[in-house]
């Protein structure tokens, strides 16, 4: 992440943290954090998966996944040391570290890479290299969310991302992309699937295999 953008994000969250302490408001959320986590986690069956949470904040996603009893191996990174300190205390079963994945990229991969609310202060131009890095280090997929341009008002300090523009960019990384704008009116999320192989019946192989056998054989409606 560019130095000037990192400083802007740090200054913004440090100001909120000083005012609200350990609260959703310190992370820039008003409401609905659990809903975001639920939608992002629906990218796939996460049971026994390794998950990297980029911009993990206080590690709330770690607690969310623990409550779902998925036996996930959770790793959280953030550029804010105060957030990491809180996350470590609140989530003894997770692993946390201070890291900017652009400046200090991982030399290992994770099944799924998440980014919940990390692009609210980053423009489309600044978000692209982060998403590229997230996709590089995932084995199976990336789940990320954004504030949509389909809004009825705008806050001066937020970046609003055009869903069509982001979808088009995502398709340069993988042919298999899901865009969801169905859970909150002013937000959306995307799933970028690593496995985008296409079957000889012109379906995405991984998704096709998850379908019931009658659907795969295309005889559901046949007598």
C-alpha atoms as a PDB file:
ATOM      1  CA  UNK A   1       0.000   0.000   0.000  1.00  0.00           C
ATOM      2  CA  UNK A   2       1.381   3.384  -0.961  1.00  0.00           C
ATOM      3  CA  UNK A   3       2.898   5.334   1.933  1.00  0.00           C
ATOM      4  CA  UNK A   4       0.529   8.287   1.626  1.00  0.00           C
ATOM      5  CA  UNK A   5      -2.527   5.985   1.575  1.00  0.00           C
ATOM      6  CA  UNK A   6      -1.241   3.979   4.539  1.00  0.00           C
ATOM      7  CA  UNK A   7      -0.768   7.162   6.553  1.00  0.00           C
ATOM      8  CA  UNK A   8      -4.247   8.396   5.654  1.00  0.00           C
ATOM      9  CA  UNK A   9      -5.822   5.129   6.789  1.00  0.00           C
ATOM     10  CA  UNK A  10      -3.749   4.964   9.967  1.00  0.00           C
ATOM     11  CA  UNK A  11      -4.530   8.573  10.901  1.00  0.00           C
ATOM     12  CA  UNK A  12      -8.230   8.021  10.269  1.00  0.00           C
ATOM     13  CA  UNK A  13      -8.476   4.865  12.382  1.00  0.00           C
ATOM     14  CA  UNK A  14      -6.204   6.194  15.143  1.00  0.00           C
ATOM     15  CA  UNK A  15      -8.541   9.145  15.497  1.00  0.00           C
ATOM     16  CA  UNK A  16     -11.567   6.837  15.686  1.00  0.00           C
ATOM     17  CA  UNK A  17      -9.804   4.472  18.108  1.00  0.00           C
ATOM     18  CA  UNK A  18      -8.962   7.359  20.424  1.00  0.00           C
ATOM     19  CA  UNK A  19     -12.619   8.358  20.490  1.00  0.00           C
ATOM     20  CA  UNK A  20     -14.443   5.006  20.445  1.00  0.00           C
ATOM     21  CA  UNK A  21     -11.798   2.541  21.734  1.00  0.00           C
ATOM     22  CA  UNK A  22     -12.619  -1.140  21.030  1.00  0.00           C
ATOM     23  CA  UNK A  23     -15.758  -0.644  18.979  1.00  0.00           C
ATOM     24  CA  UNK A  24     -17.079  -1.219  15.457  1.00  0.00           C
ATOM     25  CA  UNK A  25     -16.977   2.568  15.092  1.00  0.00           C
ATOM     26  CA  UNK A  26     -13.183   2.539  15.430  1.00  0.00           C
ATOM     27  CA  UNK A  27     -13.092   0.339  12.324  1.00  0.00           C
ATOM     28  CA  UNK A  28     -15.360   2.674  10.390  1.00  0.00           C
ATOM     29  CA  UNK A  29     -18.487   0.495  10.704  1.00  0.00           C
ATOM     30  CA  UNK A  30     -21.834   1.886  11.738  1.00  0.00           C
ATOM     31  CA  UNK A  31     -23.815  -1.358  11.850  1.00  0.00           C
ATOM     32  CA  UNK A  32     -24.058  -4.727  10.162  1.00  0.00           C
ATOM     33  CA  UNK A  33     -20.620  -6.219  10.738  1.00  0.00           C
ATOM     34  CA  UNK A  34     -22.031  -9.717  11.349  1.00  0.00           C
ATOM     35  CA  UNK A  35     -24.022  -9.541   8.110  1.00  0.00           C
ATOM     36  CA  UNK A  36     -20.879  -8.645   6.155  1.00  0.00           C
ATOM     37  CA  UNK A  37     -18.981 -11.536   7.694  1.00  0.00           C
ATOM     38  CA  UNK A  38     -21.807 -13.954   6.945  1.00  0.00           C
ATOM     39  CA  UNK A  39     -21.989 -12.936   3.286  1.00  0.00           C
ATOM     40  CA  UNK A  40     -18.221 -13.009   2.807  1.00  0.00           C
ATOM     41  CA  UNK A  41     -17.983 -16.438   4.455  1.00  0.00           C
ATOM     42  CA  UNK A  42     -20.541 -17.804   1.988  1.00  0.00           C
ATOM     43  CA  UNK A  43     -17.853 -17.891  -0.705  1.00  0.00           C
ATOM     44  CA  UNK A  44     -17.515 -21.627   0.037  1.00  0.00           C
ATOM     45  CA  UNK A  45     -17.555 -24.269   2.740  1.00  0.00           C
ATOM     46  CA  UNK A  46     -14.738 -22.989   4.956  1.00  0.00           C
ATOM     47  CA  UNK A  47     -14.495 -26.059   7.178  1.00  0.00           C
ATOM     48  CA  UNK A  48     -10.826 -26.816   7.991  1.00  0.00           C
ATOM     49  CA  UNK A  49      -9.667 -24.044   5.635  1.00  0.00           C
ATOM     50  CA  UNK A  50      -6.784 -21.643   6.121  1.00  0.00           C
ATOM     51  CA  UNK A  51      -8.066 -18.074   6.075  1.00  0.00           C
ATOM     52  CA  UNK A  52      -6.106 -14.831   5.808  1.00  0.00           C
ATOM     53  CA  UNK A  53      -7.954 -11.717   6.953  1.00  0.00           C
ATOM     54  CA  UNK A  54      -6.328  -8.632   5.415  1.00  0.00           C
ATOM     55  CA  UNK A  55      -7.100  -5.527   7.462  1.00  0.00           C
ATOM     56  CA  UNK A  56      -8.270  -7.699  10.349  1.00  0.00           C
ATOM     57  CA  UNK A  57      -8.893  -4.860  12.799  1.00  0.00           C
ATOM     58  CA  UNK A  58      -9.745  -6.364  16.196  1.00  0.00           C
ATOM     59  CA  UNK A  59      -9.995  -9.882  14.788  1.00  0.00           C
ATOM     60  CA  UNK A  60     -13.789  -9.942  14.832  1.00  0.00           C
ATOM     61  CA  UNK A  61     -13.907 -12.225  11.795  1.00  0.00           C
ATOM     62  CA  UNK A  62     -11.835 -14.735  13.759  1.00  0.00           C
ATOM     63  CA  UNK A  63     -14.461 -14.795  16.525  1.00  0.00           C
ATOM     64  CA  UNK A  64     -17.258 -15.009  13.967  1.00  0.00           C
ATOM     65  CA  UNK A  65     -15.723 -18.057  12.273  1.00  0.00           C
ATOM     66  CA  UNK A  66     -15.003 -19.699  15.637  1.00  0.00           C
ATOM     67  CA  UNK A  67     -18.662 -19.405  16.606  1.00  0.00           C
ATOM     68  CA  UNK A  68     -19.597 -21.171  13.378  1.00  0.00           C
ATOM     69  CA  UNK A  69     -17.356 -24.069  14.508  1.00  0.00           C
ATOM     70  CA  UNK A  70     -15.629 -24.466  11.159  1.00  0.00           C
ATOM     71  CA  UNK A  71     -12.213 -25.386  12.566  1.00  0.00           C
ATOM     72  CA  UNK A  72     -10.658 -22.641  10.465  1.00  0.00           C
ATOM     73  CA  UNK A  73      -6.960 -21.827  10.761  1.00  0.00           C
ATOM     74  CA  UNK A  74      -7.172 -18.059  10.960  1.00  0.00           C
ATOM     75  CA  UNK A  75      -4.428 -15.522  10.240  1.00  0.00           C
ATOM     76  CA  UNK A  76      -5.013 -11.784  10.599  1.00  0.00           C
ATOM     77  CA  UNK A  77      -2.860  -8.894   9.401  1.00  0.00           C
ATOM     78  CA  UNK A  78      -3.293  -5.153   9.789  1.00  0.00           C
ATOM     79  CA  UNK A  79      -1.166  -2.018   9.401  1.00  0.00           C
ATOM     80  CA  UNK A  80      -2.360  -0.671  12.771  1.00  0.00           C
ATOM     81  CA  UNK A  81      -0.378  -1.922  15.775  1.00  0.00           C
ATOM     82  CA  UNK A  82      -3.083  -0.904  18.265  1.00  0.00           C
ATOM     83  CA  UNK A  83      -5.606  -3.062  16.421  1.00  0.00           C
ATOM     84  CA  UNK A  84      -3.225  -6.024  16.341  1.00  0.00           C
ATOM     85  CA  UNK A  85      -2.590  -5.732  20.089  1.00  0.00           C
ATOM     86  CA  UNK A  86      -6.327  -5.830  20.790  1.00  0.00           C
ATOM     87  CA  UNK A  87      -6.870  -8.706  18.335  1.00  0.00           C
ATOM     88  CA  UNK A  88      -4.233 -10.867  20.024  1.00  0.00           C
ATOM     89  CA  UNK A  89      -5.820 -10.363  23.449  1.00  0.00           C
ATOM     90  CA  UNK A  90      -9.354 -11.058  22.248  1.00  0.00           C
ATOM     91  CA  UNK A  91      -8.589 -14.038  20.005  1.00  0.00           C
ATOM     92  CA  UNK A  92      -6.095 -16.455  21.559  1.00  0.00           C
ATOM     93  CA  UNK A  93      -6.731 -19.086  18.877  1.00  0.00           C
ATOM     94  CA  UNK A  94      -5.913 -16.791  15.960  1.00  0.00           C
ATOM     95  CA  UNK A  95      -2.537 -15.669  14.663  1.00  0.00           C
ATOM     96  CA  UNK A  96      -1.998 -11.943  14.150  1.00  0.00           C
ATOM     97  CA  UNK A  97       0.801  -9.750  12.903  1.00  0.00           C
ATOM     98  CA  UNK A  98       1.535  -6.209  11.817  1.00  0.00           C
ATOM     99  CA  UNK A  99       1.978  -6.433   8.050  1.00  0.00           C
ATOM    100  CA  UNK A 100       1.323  -4.551   4.828  1.00  0.00           C
ATOM    101  CA  UNK A 101       0.888  -7.329   2.266  1.00  0.00           C
ATOM    102  CA  UNK A 102       2.108  -5.105  -0.563  1.00  0.00           C
ATOM    103  CA  UNK A 103       5.320  -3.988   1.130  1.00  0.00           C
ATOM    104  CA  UNK A 104       5.906  -7.308   2.851  1.00  0.00           C
ATOM    105  CA  UNK A 105       4.221 -10.008   0.714  1.00  0.00           C
ATOM    106  CA  UNK A 106       3.682 -13.543   1.962  1.00  0.00           C
ATOM    107  CA  UNK A 107       5.766 -16.374   0.523  1.00  0.00           C
ATOM    108  CA  UNK A 108       3.024 -18.840   1.422  1.00  0.00           C
ATOM    109  CA  UNK A 109      -0.584 -19.238   0.350  1.00  0.00           C
ATOM    110  CA  UNK A 110      -3.928 -19.515   2.116  1.00  0.00           C
ATOM    111  CA  UNK A 111      -7.087 -21.282   1.018  1.00  0.00           C
ATOM    112  CA  UNK A 112      -9.148 -18.098   1.241  1.00  0.00           C
ATOM    113  CA  UNK A 113      -8.199 -14.448   1.585  1.00  0.00           C
ATOM    114  CA  UNK A 114     -10.717 -12.016   3.029  1.00  0.00           C
ATOM    115  CA  UNK A 115     -10.920  -8.240   3.037  1.00  0.00           C
ATOM    116  CA  UNK A 116     -13.846  -6.856   5.052  1.00  0.00           C
ATOM    117  CA  UNK A 117     -14.250  -3.104   4.847  1.00  0.00           C
ATOM    118  CA  UNK A 118     -10.641  -2.453   3.858  1.00  0.00           C
ATOM    119  CA  UNK A 119     -11.409  -0.497   0.685  1.00  0.00           C
ATOM    120  CA  UNK A 120     -13.641   2.203   2.190  1.00  0.00           C
ATOM    121  CA  UNK A 121     -10.694   4.620   2.269  1.00  0.00           C
ATOM    122  CA  UNK A 122      -8.872   3.360  -0.829  1.00  0.00           C
ATOM    123  CA  UNK A 123      -9.669   4.474  -4.353  1.00  0.00           C
ATOM    124  CA  UNK A 124     -10.182   2.021  -7.203  1.00  0.00           C
ATOM    125  CA  UNK A 125      -6.622   2.734  -8.381  1.00  0.00           C
ATOM    126  CA  UNK A 126      -5.160   1.958  -4.941  1.00  0.00           C
ATOM    127  CA  UNK A 127      -7.404  -1.054  -4.367  1.00  0.00           C
ATOM    128  CA  UNK A 128      -6.327  -2.898  -7.540  1.00  0.00           C
ATOM    129  CA  UNK A 129      -2.772  -3.865  -6.480  1.00  0.00           C
ATOM    130  CA  UNK A 130      -4.041  -5.048  -3.083  1.00  0.00           C
ATOM    131  CA  UNK A 131      -6.663  -7.263  -4.731  1.00  0.00           C
ATOM    132  CA  UNK A 132      -4.046  -8.625  -7.129  1.00  0.00           C
ATOM    133  CA  UNK A 133      -1.854  -9.572  -4.176  1.00  0.00           C
ATOM    134  CA  UNK A 134      -4.794 -11.130  -2.334  1.00  0.00           C
ATOM    135  CA  UNK A 135      -5.560 -13.232  -5.387  1.00  0.00           C
ATOM    136  CA  UNK A 136      -1.912 -14.238  -5.819  1.00  0.00           C
ATOM    137  CA  UNK A 137      -1.684 -15.683  -2.305  1.00  0.00           C
ATOM    138  CA  UNK A 138      -5.034 -17.496  -2.297  1.00  0.00           C
ATOM    139  CA  UNK A 139      -5.393 -21.157  -3.214  1.00  0.00           C
ATOM    140  CA  UNK A 140      -9.159 -21.199  -3.643  1.00  0.00           C
ATOM    141  CA  UNK A 141     -10.640 -17.726  -3.529  1.00  0.00           C
ATOM    142  CA  UNK A 142     -10.851 -14.113  -2.378  1.00  0.00           C
ATOM    143  CA  UNK A 143     -13.869 -12.538  -0.653  1.00  0.00           C
ATOM    144  CA  UNK A 144     -13.923  -8.732  -0.462  1.00  0.00           C
ATOM    145  CA  UNK A 145     -16.495  -6.008   0.013  1.00  0.00           C
ATOM    146  CA  UNK A 146     -16.964  -2.389  -1.022  1.00  0.00           C
ATOM    147  CA  UNK A 147     -19.138   0.671  -0.601  1.00  0.00           C
ATOM    148  CA  UNK A 148     -21.222   0.926  -3.765  1.00  0.00           C
ATOM    149  CA  UNK A 149     -21.738   3.910  -6.051  1.00  0.00           C
ATOM    150  CA  UNK A 150     -25.438   3.006  -5.950  1.00  0.00           C
ATOM    151  CA  UNK A 151     -26.182   5.246  -2.976  1.00  0.00           C
ATOM    152  CA  UNK A 152     -28.579   8.031  -2.056  1.00  0.00           C
ATOM    153  CA  UNK A 153     -25.937  10.082  -0.208  1.00  0.00           C
ATOM    154  CA  UNK A 154     -22.153  10.239   0.107  1.00  0.00           C
ATOM    155  CA  UNK A 155     -19.740  10.876   2.966  1.00  0.00           C
ATOM    156  CA  UNK A 156     -16.735  12.983   2.042  1.00  0.00           C
ATOM    157  CA  UNK A 157     -14.192  10.625   3.635  1.00  0.00           C
ATOM    158  CA  UNK A 158     -15.365   7.398   1.944  1.00  0.00           C
ATOM    159  CA  UNK A 159     -14.505   5.965  -1.468  1.00  0.00           C
ATOM    160  CA  UNK A 160     -17.431   4.606  -3.443  1.00  0.00           C
ATOM    161  CA  UNK A 161     -16.588   1.882  -5.939  1.00  0.00           C
ATOM    162  CA  UNK A 162     -18.542   1.241  -9.124  1.00  0.00           C
ATOM    163  CA  UNK A 163     -19.614  -2.461  -9.055  1.00  0.00           C
ATOM    164  CA  UNK A 164     -19.452  -2.788 -12.851  1.00  0.00           C
ATOM    165  CA  UNK A 165     -15.953  -1.320 -12.934  1.00  0.00           C
ATOM    166  CA  UNK A 166     -14.745  -3.601 -10.136  1.00  0.00           C
ATOM    167  CA  UNK A 167     -16.359  -6.648 -11.772  1.00  0.00           C
ATOM    168  CA  UNK A 168     -14.582  -5.881 -15.036  1.00  0.00           C
ATOM    169  CA  UNK A 169     -11.258  -5.642 -13.213  1.00  0.00           C
ATOM    170  CA  UNK A 170     -11.883  -8.896 -11.325  1.00  0.00           C
ATOM    171  CA  UNK A 171     -12.501 -10.680 -14.622  1.00  0.00           C
ATOM    172  CA  UNK A 172      -8.922  -9.852 -15.643  1.00  0.00           C
ATOM    173  CA  UNK A 173      -7.738 -12.013 -12.728  1.00  0.00           C
ATOM    174  CA  UNK A 174     -10.141 -14.940 -13.087  1.00  0.00           C
ATOM    175  CA  UNK A 175     -12.994 -15.914 -15.372  1.00  0.00           C
ATOM    176  CA  UNK A 176     -15.083 -17.038 -12.388  1.00  0.00           C
ATOM    177  CA  UNK A 177     -16.371 -14.059 -10.394  1.00  0.00           C
ATOM    178  CA  UNK A 178     -19.445 -13.621  -8.207  1.00  0.00           C
ATOM    179  CA  UNK A 179     -20.796 -10.145  -7.457  1.00  0.00           C
ATOM    180  CA  UNK A 180     -23.400  -9.807  -4.701  1.00  0.00           C
ATOM    181  CA  UNK A 181     -25.385  -6.622  -4.210  1.00  0.00           C
ATOM    182  CA  UNK A 182     -28.267  -8.339  -2.430  1.00  0.00           C
ATOM    183  CA  UNK A 183     -27.621  -8.019   1.310  1.00  0.00           C
ATOM    184  CA  UNK A 184     -27.206  -4.280   2.019  1.00  0.00           C
ATOM    185  CA  UNK A 185     -28.509  -1.536  -0.284  1.00  0.00           C
ATOM    186  CA  UNK A 186     -25.292   0.501  -0.359  1.00  0.00           C
ATOM    187  CA  UNK A 187     -22.648  -2.208  -0.224  1.00  0.00           C
ATOM    188  CA  UNK A 188     -21.608  -5.181  -2.329  1.00  0.00           C
ATOM    189  CA  UNK A 189     -19.108  -7.990  -2.210  1.00  0.00           C
ATOM    190  CA  UNK A 190     -17.233 -10.088  -4.722  1.00  0.00           C
ATOM    191  CA  UNK A 191     -15.894 -13.626  -4.740  1.00  0.00           C
ATOM    192  CA  UNK A 192     -12.881 -14.260  -6.972  1.00  0.00           C
ATOM    193  CA  UNK A 193     -12.531 -18.002  -7.470  1.00  0.00           C
ATOM    194  CA  UNK A 194      -9.109 -19.421  -8.255  1.00  0.00           C
ATOM    195  CA  UNK A 195     -10.437 -22.486 -10.062  1.00  0.00           C
ATOM    196  CA  UNK A 196     -12.004 -21.108 -13.223  1.00  0.00           C
ATOM    197  CA  UNK A 197     -11.639 -24.227 -15.375  1.00  0.00           C
ATOM    198  CA  UNK A 198     -14.497 -24.789 -17.798  1.00  0.00           C
ATOM    199  CA  UNK A 199     -15.962 -28.236 -18.492  1.00  0.00           C
ATOM    200  CA  UNK A 200     -16.687 -29.682 -21.917  1.00  0.00           C
ATOM    201  CA  UNK A 201     -20.364 -28.907 -21.231  1.00  0.00           C
ATOM    202  CA  UNK A 202     -19.454 -25.228 -20.855  1.00  0.00           C
ATOM    203  CA  UNK A 203     -19.844 -24.949 -17.077  1.00  0.00           C
ATOM    204  CA  UNK A 204     -17.340 -23.908 -14.441  1.00  0.00           C
ATOM    205  CA  UNK A 205     -16.079 -27.324 -13.325  1.00  0.00           C
ATOM    206  CA  UNK A 206     -15.870 -26.676  -9.578  1.00  0.00           C
ATOM    207  CA  UNK A 207     -19.376 -25.232  -9.359  1.00  0.00           C
ATOM    208  CA  UNK A 208     -20.807 -27.914 -11.636  1.00  0.00           C
ATOM    209  CA  UNK A 209     -19.460 -30.711  -9.423  1.00  0.00           C
ATOM    210  CA  UNK A 210     -21.283 -29.231  -6.427  1.00  0.00           C
ATOM    211  CA  UNK A 211     -24.642 -29.632  -8.166  1.00  0.00           C
ATOM    212  CA  UNK A 212     -26.962 -32.629  -7.492  1.00  0.00           C
ATOM    213  CA  UNK A 213     -26.425 -35.527  -9.902  1.00  0.00           C
ATOM    214  CA  UNK A 214     -29.746 -35.036 -11.776  1.00  0.00           C
ATOM    215  CA  UNK A 215     -28.723 -31.433 -12.491  1.00  0.00           C
ATOM    216  CA  UNK A 216     -25.307 -32.555 -13.731  1.00  0.00           C
ATOM    217  CA  UNK A 217     -26.932 -35.101 -16.029  1.00  0.00           C
ATOM    218  CA  UNK A 218     -29.455 -32.467 -17.119  1.00  0.00           C
ATOM    219  CA  UNK A 219     -32.359 -34.858 -16.599  1.00  0.00           C
ATOM    220  CA  UNK A 220     -34.100 -33.167 -13.678  1.00  0.00           C
ATOM    221  CA  UNK A 221     -37.247 -32.468 -15.696  1.00  0.00           C
ATOM    222  CA  UNK A 222     -37.191 -35.638 -17.734  1.00  0.00           C
ATOM    223  CA  UNK A 223     -39.735 -38.336 -16.959  1.00  0.00           C
END
